């Protein structure tokens, strides 16, 4: 099975069915949403490699969803292909101005869709989530699911591991508890904000070796930040 996951966002079930069949025949994994709210939750939970996004959606339009995703640092690099029945040049330009990577006007052939999709994925480049993440003697290996500090193994729970993975991937920026809940726990999971504080304490305890717990910093009025630079100045 192809490793790439494609999110189809369209409020018409027959259109989603047609797209799903075409993509599955090309060996892509397909997930679906019929509105912007469902789509955003799937982006957070499933982390698709590309979105096929219909221009006209109920409530929040596809253009507005694309704009929101491109504004968010955590989803700004996610490739988006806009799908619409509108062929006018101004609509095409508006779609691309939101940050969409390509634009296909309905109707289109499945072969054209797959070809355009492959081209966008090639331009997006390969992601490398399997590479070890490191900071100041702290190393996290996603493949072996191990954390070490100066070569010494560190034990931690699965939630703390995901939290540390997120922090190491997004250093030097403050995140609110809500943002951490969305991107570590997932958009479809109900967890109280104070739960974040509990896991932050556990993570700090696990990283106490050689004082590495100081890298997890509380940002007053905001949330938390992972910073080696600031910690070294203290």
Protein backbone atom coordinates (compact mmCIF):
# COMPACT_ATOMS: atom_id res chain seq x y z
CA UNK A 1 0.00 0.00 0.00
CA UNK A 2 1.24 3.50 -0.82
CA UNK A 3 2.57 5.35 2.23
CA UNK A 4 0.87 8.64 1.30
CA UNK A 5 -2.46 9.57 2.87
CA UNK A 6 -4.84 11.85 0.96
CA UNK A 7 -7.69 13.74 2.64
CA UNK A 8 -10.71 14.36 0.42
CA UNK A 9 -12.89 17.26 1.57
CA UNK A 10 -16.16 17.52 -0.37
CA UNK A 11 -19.78 17.74 0.79
CA UNK A 12 -21.04 15.58 -2.10
CA UNK A 13 -20.79 11.85 -1.35
CA UNK A 14 -20.75 10.76 -5.05
CA UNK A 15 -17.76 13.05 -5.70
CA UNK A 16 -15.90 11.64 -2.68
CA UNK A 17 -16.66 8.10 -3.86
CA UNK A 18 -15.30 8.81 -7.33
CA UNK A 19 -12.15 10.41 -5.96
CA UNK A 20 -11.62 7.64 -3.41
CA UNK A 21 -11.83 4.90 -6.05
CA UNK A 22 -9.38 6.71 -8.34
CA UNK A 23 -6.88 7.29 -5.54
CA UNK A 24 -7.14 3.81 -4.04
CA UNK A 25 -6.51 2.34 -7.51
CA UNK A 26 -3.32 4.43 -7.54
CA UNK A 27 -2.41 2.89 -4.13
CA UNK A 28 -3.05 5.90 -1.94
CA UNK A 29 -4.62 5.70 1.51
CA UNK A 30 -7.78 7.83 1.52
CA UNK A 31 -9.64 9.55 4.36
CA UNK A 32 -12.73 11.73 3.89
CA UNK A 33 -14.52 14.74 5.35
CA UNK A 34 -17.71 16.48 4.24
CA UNK A 35 -17.09 19.84 5.90
CA UNK A 36 -14.31 22.08 7.17
CA UNK A 37 -14.72 21.12 10.84
CA UNK A 38 -14.33 17.41 10.12
CA UNK A 39 -11.43 18.15 7.79
CA UNK A 40 -9.52 20.17 10.39
CA UNK A 41 -9.90 17.42 13.00
CA UNK A 42 -8.59 14.84 10.51
CA UNK A 43 -5.64 17.06 9.61
CA UNK A 44 -4.64 17.12 13.28
CA UNK A 45 -5.33 13.45 14.02
CA UNK A 46 -4.28 11.75 10.77
CA UNK A 47 -1.66 14.21 9.45
CA UNK A 48 -2.41 13.55 5.75
CA UNK A 49 0.22 14.14 3.09
CA UNK A 50 -2.12 16.17 0.85
CA UNK A 51 -5.66 17.60 0.82
CA UNK A 52 -8.08 17.57 -2.12
CA UNK A 53 -10.27 20.47 -1.07
CA UNK A 54 -13.57 21.47 -2.65
CA UNK A 55 -14.10 25.21 -3.13
CA UNK A 56 -17.77 25.16 -2.08
CA UNK A 57 -18.38 23.70 1.38
CA UNK A 58 -21.24 24.25 3.85
CA UNK A 59 -20.56 26.72 6.68
CA UNK A 60 -16.82 27.39 6.19
CA UNK A 61 -15.70 27.49 2.54
CA UNK A 62 -12.79 25.50 1.18
CA UNK A 63 -10.94 28.72 0.47
CA UNK A 64 -11.28 29.85 4.09
CA UNK A 65 -10.14 26.43 5.38
CA UNK A 66 -7.09 26.57 3.08
CA UNK A 67 -6.32 30.07 4.37
CA UNK A 68 -6.52 28.89 7.99
CA UNK A 69 -4.27 25.88 7.37
CA UNK A 70 -1.67 27.98 5.57
CA UNK A 71 -1.65 30.57 8.40
CA UNK A 72 -0.93 27.90 11.04
CA UNK A 73 2.78 27.12 11.31
CA UNK A 74 2.01 23.48 12.06
CA UNK A 75 0.00 22.93 8.86
CA UNK A 76 1.41 25.61 6.55
CA UNK A 77 3.50 23.10 4.57
CA UNK A 78 0.58 20.72 3.96
CA UNK A 79 -0.03 20.57 0.17
CA UNK A 80 -3.55 21.55 -0.96
CA UNK A 81 -5.22 21.02 -4.34
CA UNK A 82 -8.43 23.02 -4.78
CA UNK A 83 -11.35 21.36 -6.57
CA UNK A 84 -14.14 23.48 -8.02
CA UNK A 85 -16.69 23.69 -10.80
CA UNK A 86 -15.83 27.36 -11.23
CA UNK A 87 -13.54 27.87 -14.20
CA UNK A 88 -13.25 31.64 -14.17
CA UNK A 89 -9.74 33.01 -13.98
CA UNK A 90 -10.41 35.22 -10.94
CA UNK A 91 -11.57 32.24 -8.90
CA UNK A 92 -8.47 30.30 -9.87
CA UNK A 93 -6.25 33.20 -8.82
CA UNK A 94 -8.11 33.60 -5.52
CA UNK A 95 -7.66 29.92 -4.75
CA UNK A 96 -3.94 30.03 -5.45
CA UNK A 97 -3.53 33.24 -3.45
CA UNK A 98 -4.71 31.42 -0.32
CA UNK A 99 -1.61 29.24 -0.63
CA UNK A 100 -3.16 26.31 -2.52
CA UNK A 101 -0.54 24.34 -4.44
CA UNK A 102 -2.70 23.54 -7.46
CA UNK A 103 -6.19 24.01 -8.84
CA UNK A 104 -8.35 21.56 -10.82
CA UNK A 105 -11.65 22.54 -12.43
CA UNK A 106 -14.49 19.99 -12.45
CA UNK A 107 -15.11 17.88 -14.41
CA UNK A 108 -11.68 16.27 -14.69
CA UNK A 109 -10.41 12.78 -15.47
CA UNK A 110 -9.10 10.53 -12.68
CA UNK A 111 -5.83 10.18 -14.62
CA UNK A 112 -5.36 13.95 -14.69
CA UNK A 113 -6.11 14.17 -10.97
CA UNK A 114 -3.58 11.48 -10.03
CA UNK A 115 -0.93 13.03 -12.28
CA UNK A 116 -1.42 16.50 -10.76
CA UNK A 117 -1.46 15.02 -7.26
CA UNK A 118 1.84 13.20 -7.83
CA UNK A 119 3.40 16.40 -9.16
CA UNK A 120 2.36 18.39 -6.08
CA UNK A 121 3.66 15.67 -3.74
CA UNK A 122 7.00 15.65 -5.57
CA UNK A 123 7.29 19.42 -5.19
CA UNK A 124 6.39 19.18 -1.51
CA UNK A 125 9.38 16.89 -0.99
CA UNK A 126 9.79 13.94 1.35
CA UNK A 127 9.11 14.35 5.05
CA UNK A 128 11.67 12.90 7.44
CA UNK A 129 9.83 12.13 10.69
CA UNK A 130 11.95 9.00 11.15
CA UNK A 131 15.18 10.94 11.73
CA UNK A 132 16.37 11.33 15.35
CA UNK A 133 15.57 14.65 17.00
CA UNK A 134 18.13 16.21 19.32
CA UNK A 135 18.86 19.25 21.48
CA UNK A 136 21.69 19.86 23.96
CA UNK A 137 22.66 16.23 24.54
CA UNK A 138 19.04 15.07 24.47
CA UNK A 139 18.25 12.62 21.64
CA UNK A 140 14.86 11.16 20.68
CA UNK A 141 14.77 8.32 18.13
CA UNK A 142 11.23 7.88 16.68
CA UNK A 143 12.05 4.51 15.10
CA UNK A 144 13.35 2.75 18.20
CA UNK A 145 11.10 4.88 20.47
CA UNK A 146 14.09 5.64 22.72
CA UNK A 147 15.17 8.81 24.50
CA UNK A 148 18.71 9.33 25.76
CA UNK A 149 20.55 12.12 27.55
CA UNK A 150 24.31 12.06 27.02
CA UNK A 151 23.94 8.40 26.04
CA UNK A 152 21.95 7.48 29.15
CA UNK A 153 18.52 5.92 28.53
CA UNK A 154 15.52 7.90 29.78
CA UNK A 155 12.21 6.25 30.64
CA UNK A 156 8.92 8.03 30.00
CA UNK A 157 5.30 7.24 29.17
CA UNK A 158 3.81 7.33 25.65
CA UNK A 159 2.13 10.72 26.15
CA UNK A 160 5.35 12.28 27.44
CA UNK A 161 7.16 10.78 24.44
CA UNK A 162 4.67 12.39 22.02
CA UNK A 163 4.90 15.67 23.92
CA UNK A 164 8.71 15.64 23.75
CA UNK A 165 8.58 14.75 20.03
CA UNK A 166 6.39 17.79 19.41
CA UNK A 167 8.63 20.09 21.44
CA UNK A 168 11.81 18.89 19.72
CA UNK A 169 10.15 19.42 16.33
CA UNK A 170 8.98 22.94 17.27
CA UNK A 171 11.69 24.49 19.42
CA UNK A 172 11.88 28.12 20.52
CA UNK A 173 8.17 28.87 20.23
CA UNK A 174 5.55 29.21 22.97
CA UNK A 175 2.41 27.07 22.67
CA UNK A 176 -0.84 27.37 24.58
CA UNK A 177 -2.30 24.38 26.38
CA UNK A 178 -5.05 24.24 23.76
CA UNK A 179 -2.50 24.06 20.94
CA UNK A 180 -0.64 21.29 22.72
CA UNK A 181 -3.88 19.38 23.25
CA UNK A 182 -4.73 19.66 19.54
CA UNK A 183 -1.36 18.59 18.23
CA UNK A 184 -0.28 16.02 20.83
CA UNK A 185 -3.55 14.50 22.01
CA UNK A 186 -5.57 15.10 18.81
CA UNK A 187 -8.56 17.20 17.78
CA UNK A 188 -11.17 14.51 18.46
CA UNK A 189 -10.06 13.71 22.00
CA UNK A 190 -11.61 15.55 24.94
CA UNK A 191 -8.94 16.29 27.54
CA UNK A 192 -8.98 19.08 30.11
CA UNK A 193 -6.29 21.73 29.78
CA UNK A 194 -4.91 21.00 33.24
CA UNK A 195 -4.01 17.51 31.99
CA UNK A 196 -1.27 19.21 29.96
CA UNK A 197 0.27 20.51 33.19
CA UNK A 198 0.31 16.99 34.67
CA UNK A 199 2.18 15.57 31.67
CA UNK A 200 4.55 18.55 31.58
CA UNK A 201 5.50 17.76 35.20
CA UNK A 202 6.05 14.10 34.30
CA UNK A 203 8.15 15.06 31.30
CA UNK A 204 10.27 17.42 33.37
CA UNK A 205 10.80 14.66 35.94
CA UNK A 206 11.94 12.28 33.20
CA UNK A 207 14.33 14.89 31.78
CA UNK A 208 15.86 15.82 35.13
CA UNK A 209 19.12 14.05 34.17
CA UNK A 210 21.87 16.69 34.00
CA UNK A 211 19.25 19.43 34.39
CA UNK A 212 17.58 18.91 31.01
CA UNK A 213 14.19 19.57 32.61
CA UNK A 214 14.98 23.29 32.36
CA UNK A 215 14.47 23.08 28.58
CA UNK A 216 10.72 22.78 29.20
CA UNK A 217 9.84 26.33 30.19
CA UNK A 218 6.63 27.84 31.48
CA UNK A 219 5.62 30.98 29.57
CA UNK A 220 3.48 33.07 31.87
CA UNK A 221 0.08 33.92 30.39
CA UNK A 222 0.61 31.60 27.41
CA UNK A 223 1.69 28.03 28.07
CA UNK A 224 4.97 26.24 27.45
CA UNK A 225 8.08 26.49 25.31
CA UNK A 226 11.01 24.18 24.60
CA UNK A 227 14.23 26.19 24.46
CA UNK A 228 17.87 25.17 24.80
CA UNK A 229 19.18 28.70 24.17
CA UNK A 230 17.18 30.36 26.94
CA UNK A 231 17.97 27.51 29.33
CA UNK A 232 21.70 27.90 28.70
CA UNK A 233 21.50 31.58 29.63
CA UNK A 234 19.92 30.87 32.99
